[in-house]
Amino acid sequence: MKKLLFSVTHNDFEIQTFRCGGKGGQNVNKRETGVRIIHKESGIAEECREEREQLQNRKRAFEKLCNNKDFKLWLRRKAAIVCGEEARLERDVEDAMQESNIKIEVQENGKWVKWDANAQS
C-alpha cells in the first residue's frame, strides 16, 4: 500500500515568461514565449525557449526541471526528512566527515604534499 509523503504543486513554483530570439520569426520578438520555472523551496530553475509557443516551452521547462539531478536529489532528501530519516542522514554526513576520511594537501615548492596541522602550529 502506497502512502503520500508530500506533494509538490503549482504553488511551489514561480513561473516567469520573457521575450527570446530563435525559431518563430517575429512572433518570438513580439511575445513572451520563453519560460523559466523556479522551484521556490530548493531554488532550482530551468528554462526553455526552443519552441514557438509559450505553452510548449512551459511543458518542456517542467520536464527539464523534473529530470534535473539537483531536483531529484532535493526530492530524495525531502522524502527522507518526511519519513523521519533526517537523523540518519545527519549521522551519515558526520561519519563521512571524520578526520580519517579527509585528506588535505597544500602546494609547497611546486609539489602537492599532505598538510599537517600539528606542524603548522
N, C-alpha and C. Protein backbone atom coordinates (compact mmCIF):
# COMPACT_ATOMS: atom_id res chain seq x y z
N MET A 1 0.83 -1.18 0.00
CA MET A 1 0.00 0.00 0.00
C MET A 1 0.88 1.25 0.00
N LYS A 2 0.59 2.17 -0.89
CA LYS A 2 1.39 3.38 -1.01
C LYS A 2 0.83 4.47 -0.11
N LYS A 3 1.74 5.32 0.40
CA LYS A 3 1.36 6.41 1.28
C LYS A 3 1.94 7.70 0.71
N LEU A 4 1.13 8.75 0.69
CA LEU A 4 1.59 10.05 0.19
C LEU A 4 2.50 10.68 1.23
N LEU A 5 3.75 10.93 0.87
CA LEU A 5 4.70 11.55 1.78
C LEU A 5 4.56 13.07 1.79
N PHE A 6 4.53 13.64 0.62
CA PHE A 6 4.36 15.08 0.45
C PHE A 6 3.96 15.33 -1.00
N SER A 7 3.53 16.53 -1.30
CA SER A 7 3.17 16.84 -2.67
C SER A 7 3.84 18.14 -3.10
N VAL A 8 4.09 18.23 -4.38
CA VAL A 8 4.65 19.42 -4.98
C VAL A 8 3.60 19.92 -5.96
N THR A 9 3.09 21.14 -5.71
CA THR A 9 2.01 21.67 -6.53
C THR A 9 2.47 22.89 -7.31
N HIS A 10 1.58 23.38 -8.13
CA HIS A 10 1.84 24.56 -8.95
C HIS A 10 2.26 25.74 -8.09
N ASN A 11 1.72 25.84 -6.87
CA ASN A 11 2.04 26.96 -5.97
C ASN A 11 3.48 26.92 -5.47
N ASP A 12 4.15 25.78 -5.60
CA ASP A 12 5.54 25.65 -5.16
C ASP A 12 6.53 26.20 -6.18
N PHE A 13 6.03 26.66 -7.32
CA PHE A 13 6.89 27.13 -8.40
C PHE A 13 6.59 28.58 -8.74
N GLU A 14 7.63 29.28 -9.17
CA GLU A 14 7.46 30.62 -9.74
C GLU A 14 7.68 30.47 -11.24
N ILE A 15 6.73 30.93 -12.02
CA ILE A 15 6.82 30.81 -13.47
C ILE A 15 7.02 32.21 -14.05
N GLN A 16 8.12 32.38 -14.76
CA GLN A 16 8.44 33.66 -15.39
C GLN A 16 8.41 33.49 -16.90
N THR A 17 7.94 34.51 -17.59
CA THR A 17 7.96 34.49 -19.05
C THR A 17 8.80 35.67 -19.53
N PHE A 18 9.40 35.50 -20.70
CA PHE A 18 10.27 36.54 -21.23
C PHE A 18 10.34 36.43 -22.75
N ARG A 19 10.75 37.52 -23.36
CA ARG A 19 10.95 37.52 -24.81
C ARG A 19 12.29 36.88 -25.12
N CYS A 20 12.33 36.14 -26.20
CA CYS A 20 13.58 35.49 -26.57
C CYS A 20 13.65 35.37 -28.08
N GLY A 21 14.85 35.20 -28.58
CA GLY A 21 15.03 35.01 -30.02
C GLY A 21 14.88 33.54 -30.37
N GLY A 22 15.17 33.21 -31.59
CA GLY A 22 15.12 31.82 -32.01
C GLY A 22 14.03 31.58 -33.03
N LYS A 23 13.59 30.30 -33.12
CA LYS A 23 12.55 29.94 -34.08
C LYS A 23 11.28 30.73 -33.80
N GLY A 24 10.55 31.03 -34.84
CA GLY A 24 9.26 31.69 -34.66
C GLY A 24 9.20 33.06 -35.28
N GLY A 25 10.31 33.54 -35.81
CA GLY A 25 10.31 34.81 -36.51
C GLY A 25 9.86 35.97 -35.63
N GLN A 26 8.97 36.78 -36.19
CA GLN A 26 8.52 37.97 -35.50
C GLN A 26 7.71 37.63 -34.24
N ASN A 27 7.10 36.45 -34.22
CA ASN A 27 6.30 36.02 -33.07
C ASN A 27 7.12 36.05 -31.78
N VAL A 28 8.35 35.53 -31.81
CA VAL A 28 9.16 35.49 -30.60
C VAL A 28 9.73 36.85 -30.24
N ASN A 29 9.80 37.76 -31.20
CA ASN A 29 10.30 39.10 -30.92
C ASN A 29 9.22 39.96 -30.25
N LYS A 30 7.95 39.67 -30.51
CA LYS A 30 6.86 40.49 -30.01
C LYS A 30 6.19 39.92 -28.77
N ARG A 31 6.27 38.62 -28.57
CA ARG A 31 5.55 37.97 -27.46
C ARG A 31 6.52 37.28 -26.52
N GLU A 32 6.10 37.12 -25.29
CA GLU A 32 6.93 36.45 -24.30
C GLU A 32 6.73 34.94 -24.42
N THR A 33 7.57 34.31 -25.23
CA THR A 33 7.42 32.87 -25.46
C THR A 33 8.37 32.04 -24.61
N GLY A 34 9.45 32.64 -24.11
CA GLY A 34 10.38 31.92 -23.24
C GLY A 34 9.79 31.74 -21.85
N VAL A 35 10.09 30.60 -21.23
CA VAL A 35 9.55 30.30 -19.89
C VAL A 35 10.68 29.84 -18.97
N ARG A 36 10.70 30.41 -17.77
CA ARG A 36 11.64 29.99 -16.72
C ARG A 36 10.80 29.55 -15.53
N ILE A 37 11.10 28.36 -15.00
CA ILE A 37 10.37 27.83 -13.85
C ILE A 37 11.35 27.67 -12.70
N ILE A 38 10.99 28.22 -11.55
CA ILE A 38 11.85 28.18 -10.36
C ILE A 38 11.09 27.48 -9.24
N HIS A 39 11.71 26.43 -8.68
CA HIS A 39 11.13 25.78 -7.51
C HIS A 39 11.52 26.62 -6.31
N LYS A 40 10.54 27.19 -5.63
CA LYS A 40 10.81 28.18 -4.57
C LYS A 40 11.61 27.61 -3.42
N GLU A 41 11.27 26.42 -2.94
CA GLU A 41 11.92 25.87 -1.75
C GLU A 41 13.38 25.51 -1.98
N SER A 42 13.67 24.92 -3.13
CA SER A 42 15.05 24.49 -3.39
C SER A 42 15.85 25.52 -4.19
N GLY A 43 15.18 26.43 -4.88
CA GLY A 43 15.86 27.42 -5.68
C GLY A 43 16.32 26.91 -7.04
N ILE A 44 15.95 25.70 -7.39
CA ILE A 44 16.36 25.10 -8.67
C ILE A 44 15.50 25.68 -9.79
N ALA A 45 16.15 26.04 -10.90
CA ALA A 45 15.44 26.67 -12.01
C ALA A 45 15.81 26.00 -13.32
N GLU A 46 14.86 25.98 -14.22
CA GLU A 46 15.08 25.53 -15.60
C GLU A 46 14.31 26.46 -16.51
N GLU A 47 14.77 26.58 -17.73
CA GLU A 47 14.06 27.41 -18.68
C GLU A 47 14.04 26.74 -20.04
N CYS A 48 13.10 27.19 -20.86
CA CYS A 48 13.00 26.69 -22.22
C CYS A 48 12.60 27.84 -23.13
N ARG A 49 13.26 27.91 -24.27
CA ARG A 49 12.95 28.95 -25.25
C ARG A 49 13.03 28.39 -26.67
N GLU A 50 13.01 27.04 -26.76
CA GLU A 50 13.21 26.41 -28.05
C GLU A 50 11.98 26.40 -28.95
N GLU A 51 10.79 26.42 -28.35
CA GLU A 51 9.55 26.31 -29.13
C GLU A 51 8.99 27.68 -29.47
N ARG A 52 8.08 27.69 -30.41
CA ARG A 52 7.46 28.93 -30.87
C ARG A 52 6.37 29.40 -29.91
N GLU A 53 5.71 28.46 -29.23
CA GLU A 53 4.60 28.80 -28.36
C GLU A 53 5.00 28.72 -26.88
N GLN A 54 4.44 29.61 -26.07
CA GLN A 54 4.74 29.66 -24.65
C GLN A 54 4.30 28.37 -23.94
N LEU A 55 3.14 27.83 -24.29
CA LEU A 55 2.65 26.63 -23.63
C LEU A 55 3.59 25.45 -23.85
N GLN A 56 4.11 25.30 -25.05
CA GLN A 56 5.06 24.23 -25.33
C GLN A 56 6.35 24.43 -24.53
N ASN A 57 6.82 25.67 -24.45
CA ASN A 57 8.02 25.96 -23.67
C ASN A 57 7.79 25.70 -22.18
N ARG A 58 6.58 25.99 -21.71
CA ARG A 58 6.26 25.73 -20.30
C ARG A 58 6.32 24.23 -20.00
N LYS A 59 5.74 23.44 -20.87
CA LYS A 59 5.76 21.98 -20.69
C LYS A 59 7.19 21.45 -20.70
N ARG A 60 7.98 21.91 -21.64
CA ARG A 60 9.36 21.42 -21.74
C ARG A 60 10.21 21.89 -20.56
N ALA A 61 9.95 23.11 -20.05
CA ALA A 61 10.69 23.60 -18.89
C ALA A 61 10.36 22.75 -17.66
N PHE A 62 9.08 22.37 -17.50
CA PHE A 62 8.71 21.49 -16.39
C PHE A 62 9.37 20.13 -16.53
N GLU A 63 9.42 19.61 -17.75
CA GLU A 63 10.09 18.32 -17.98
C GLU A 63 11.57 18.41 -17.62
N LYS A 64 12.22 19.49 -18.03
CA LYS A 64 13.63 19.68 -17.71
C LYS A 64 13.84 19.75 -16.20
N LEU A 65 12.94 20.47 -15.51
CA LEU A 65 13.07 20.60 -14.06
C LEU A 65 12.89 19.25 -13.37
N CYS A 66 11.92 18.48 -13.82
CA CYS A 66 11.68 17.16 -13.21
C CYS A 66 12.83 16.20 -13.46
N ASN A 67 13.55 16.37 -14.55
CA ASN A 67 14.68 15.50 -14.87
C ASN A 67 16.01 16.04 -14.35
N ASN A 68 16.00 17.22 -13.73
CA ASN A 68 17.20 17.84 -13.20
C ASN A 68 17.73 17.01 -12.03
N LYS A 69 19.00 16.68 -12.05
CA LYS A 69 19.58 15.82 -10.99
C LYS A 69 19.51 16.49 -9.63
N ASP A 70 19.65 17.81 -9.56
CA ASP A 70 19.56 18.51 -8.28
C ASP A 70 18.14 18.46 -7.72
N PHE A 71 17.14 18.56 -8.60
CA PHE A 71 15.75 18.49 -8.15
C PHE A 71 15.43 17.08 -7.66
N LYS A 72 15.95 16.07 -8.35
CA LYS A 72 15.74 14.69 -7.89
C LYS A 72 16.39 14.46 -6.54
N LEU A 73 17.56 15.04 -6.32
CA LEU A 73 18.23 14.94 -5.03
C LEU A 73 17.42 15.63 -3.95
N TRP A 74 16.87 16.81 -4.27
CA TRP A 74 16.03 17.52 -3.31
C TRP A 74 14.82 16.67 -2.94
N LEU A 75 14.21 16.02 -3.93
CA LEU A 75 13.05 15.16 -3.66
C LEU A 75 13.42 14.01 -2.71
N ARG A 76 14.57 13.39 -2.94
CA ARG A 76 15.00 12.29 -2.07
C ARG A 76 15.26 12.78 -0.64
N ARG A 77 15.90 13.94 -0.53
CA ARG A 77 16.16 14.49 0.81
C ARG A 77 14.86 14.84 1.52
N LYS A 78 13.94 15.45 0.80
CA LYS A 78 12.65 15.81 1.38
C LYS A 78 11.90 14.56 1.85
N ALA A 79 11.94 13.51 1.05
CA ALA A 79 11.28 12.26 1.42
C ALA A 79 11.93 11.67 2.67
N ALA A 80 13.24 11.74 2.77
CA ALA A 80 13.94 11.22 3.95
C ALA A 80 13.55 11.99 5.19
N ILE A 81 13.42 13.29 5.07
CA ILE A 81 13.02 14.11 6.21
C ILE A 81 11.60 13.77 6.65
N VAL A 82 10.71 13.63 5.68
CA VAL A 82 9.32 13.30 6.00
C VAL A 82 9.21 11.92 6.63
N CYS A 83 10.03 10.99 6.21
CA CYS A 83 9.99 9.63 6.75
C CYS A 83 10.69 9.52 8.10
N GLY A 84 11.28 10.62 8.57
CA GLY A 84 11.95 10.59 9.86
C GLY A 84 13.36 10.08 9.79
N GLU A 85 13.93 10.05 8.62
CA GLU A 85 15.30 9.55 8.45
C GLU A 85 16.32 10.68 8.45
N GLU A 86 15.88 11.87 8.83
CA GLU A 86 16.78 13.03 8.83
C GLU A 86 17.96 12.81 9.78
N ALA A 87 17.70 12.22 10.94
CA ALA A 87 18.77 11.97 11.90
C ALA A 87 19.79 11.01 11.31
N ARG A 88 19.33 10.01 10.58
CA ARG A 88 20.24 9.05 9.95
C ARG A 88 21.08 9.75 8.88
N LEU A 89 20.46 10.66 8.12
CA LEU A 89 21.20 11.42 7.11
C LEU A 89 22.31 12.25 7.76
N GLU A 90 21.96 12.94 8.84
CA GLU A 90 22.96 13.75 9.53
C GLU A 90 24.08 12.89 10.09
N ARG A 91 23.74 11.74 10.60
CA ARG A 91 24.75 10.81 11.13
C ARG A 91 25.68 10.33 10.02
N ASP A 92 25.10 10.03 8.86
CA ASP A 92 25.91 9.58 7.72
C ASP A 92 26.88 10.68 7.28
N VAL A 93 26.41 11.92 7.28
CA VAL A 93 27.27 13.04 6.89
C VAL A 93 28.40 13.21 7.91
N GLU A 94 28.06 13.13 9.19
CA GLU A 94 29.09 13.26 10.22
C GLU A 94 30.12 12.13 10.12
N ASP A 95 29.66 10.92 9.84
CA ASP A 95 30.59 9.80 9.67
C ASP A 95 31.52 10.04 8.49
N ALA A 96 30.96 10.56 7.40
CA ALA A 96 31.78 10.82 6.21
C ALA A 96 32.79 11.94 6.45
N MET A 97 32.48 12.85 7.35
CA MET A 97 33.36 13.99 7.61
C MET A 97 34.37 13.73 8.73
N GLN A 98 34.52 12.49 9.13
CA GLN A 98 35.54 12.15 10.14
C GLN A 98 36.92 12.55 9.63
N GLU A 99 37.78 12.94 10.52
CA GLU A 99 39.12 13.40 10.13
C GLU A 99 39.88 12.34 9.35
N SER A 100 39.63 11.07 9.67
CA SER A 100 40.33 10.00 8.96
C SER A 100 39.90 9.89 7.49
N ASN A 101 38.74 10.44 7.15
CA ASN A 101 38.24 10.39 5.78
C ASN A 101 38.62 11.62 4.95
N ILE A 102 39.20 12.61 5.59
CA ILE A 102 39.52 13.86 4.89
C ILE A 102 41.02 13.96 4.66
N LYS A 103 41.38 14.29 3.43
CA LYS A 103 42.79 14.45 3.08
C LYS A 103 42.97 15.88 2.58
N ILE A 104 43.88 16.60 3.22
CA ILE A 104 44.15 17.98 2.84
C ILE A 104 45.58 18.06 2.34
N GLU A 105 45.73 18.65 1.16
CA GLU A 105 47.06 18.83 0.58
C GLU A 105 47.29 20.31 0.30
N VAL A 106 48.52 20.72 0.41
CA VAL A 106 48.92 22.08 0.10
C VAL A 106 50.08 22.03 -0.89
N GLN A 107 50.24 23.10 -1.59
CA GLN A 107 51.32 23.14 -2.58
C GLN A 107 52.54 23.82 -1.95
N GLU A 108 53.65 23.08 -1.92
CA GLU A 108 54.91 23.62 -1.42
C GLU A 108 55.99 23.37 -2.46
N ASN A 109 56.66 24.44 -2.85
CA ASN A 109 57.74 24.35 -3.84
C ASN A 109 57.29 23.64 -5.12
N GLY A 110 56.05 23.91 -5.54
CA GLY A 110 55.55 23.34 -6.78
C GLY A 110 55.05 21.91 -6.67
N LYS A 111 55.07 21.33 -5.46
CA LYS A 111 54.60 19.96 -5.27
C LYS A 111 53.46 19.94 -4.27
N TRP A 112 52.54 19.02 -4.47
CA TRP A 112 51.43 18.85 -3.53
C TRP A 112 51.86 17.88 -2.45
N VAL A 113 51.77 18.33 -1.20
CA VAL A 113 52.14 17.49 -0.06
C VAL A 113 50.99 17.49 0.95
N LYS A 114 50.94 16.42 1.73
CA LYS A 114 49.89 16.30 2.74
C LYS A 114 50.08 17.38 3.78
N TRP A 115 49.00 18.07 4.14
CA TRP A 115 49.05 19.14 5.12
C TRP A 115 49.02 18.56 6.52
N ASP A 116 49.91 18.99 7.35
CA ASP A 116 49.98 18.51 8.73
C ASP A 116 49.63 19.68 9.63
N ALA A 117 48.46 19.63 10.27
CA ALA A 117 48.00 20.73 11.13
C ALA A 117 48.91 20.92 12.32
N ASN A 118 49.50 19.84 12.84
CA ASN A 118 50.37 19.91 14.02
C ASN A 118 51.68 20.64 13.69
N ALA A 119 52.17 20.45 12.48
CA ALA A 119 53.43 21.08 12.08
C ALA A 119 53.26 22.57 11.86
N GLN A 120 52.04 23.01 11.53
CA GLN A 120 51.77 24.42 11.23
C GLN A 120 51.63 25.26 12.48
N SER A 121 51.34 24.65 13.62
CA SER A 121 51.08 25.41 14.87
C SER A 121 52.27 26.07 15.42
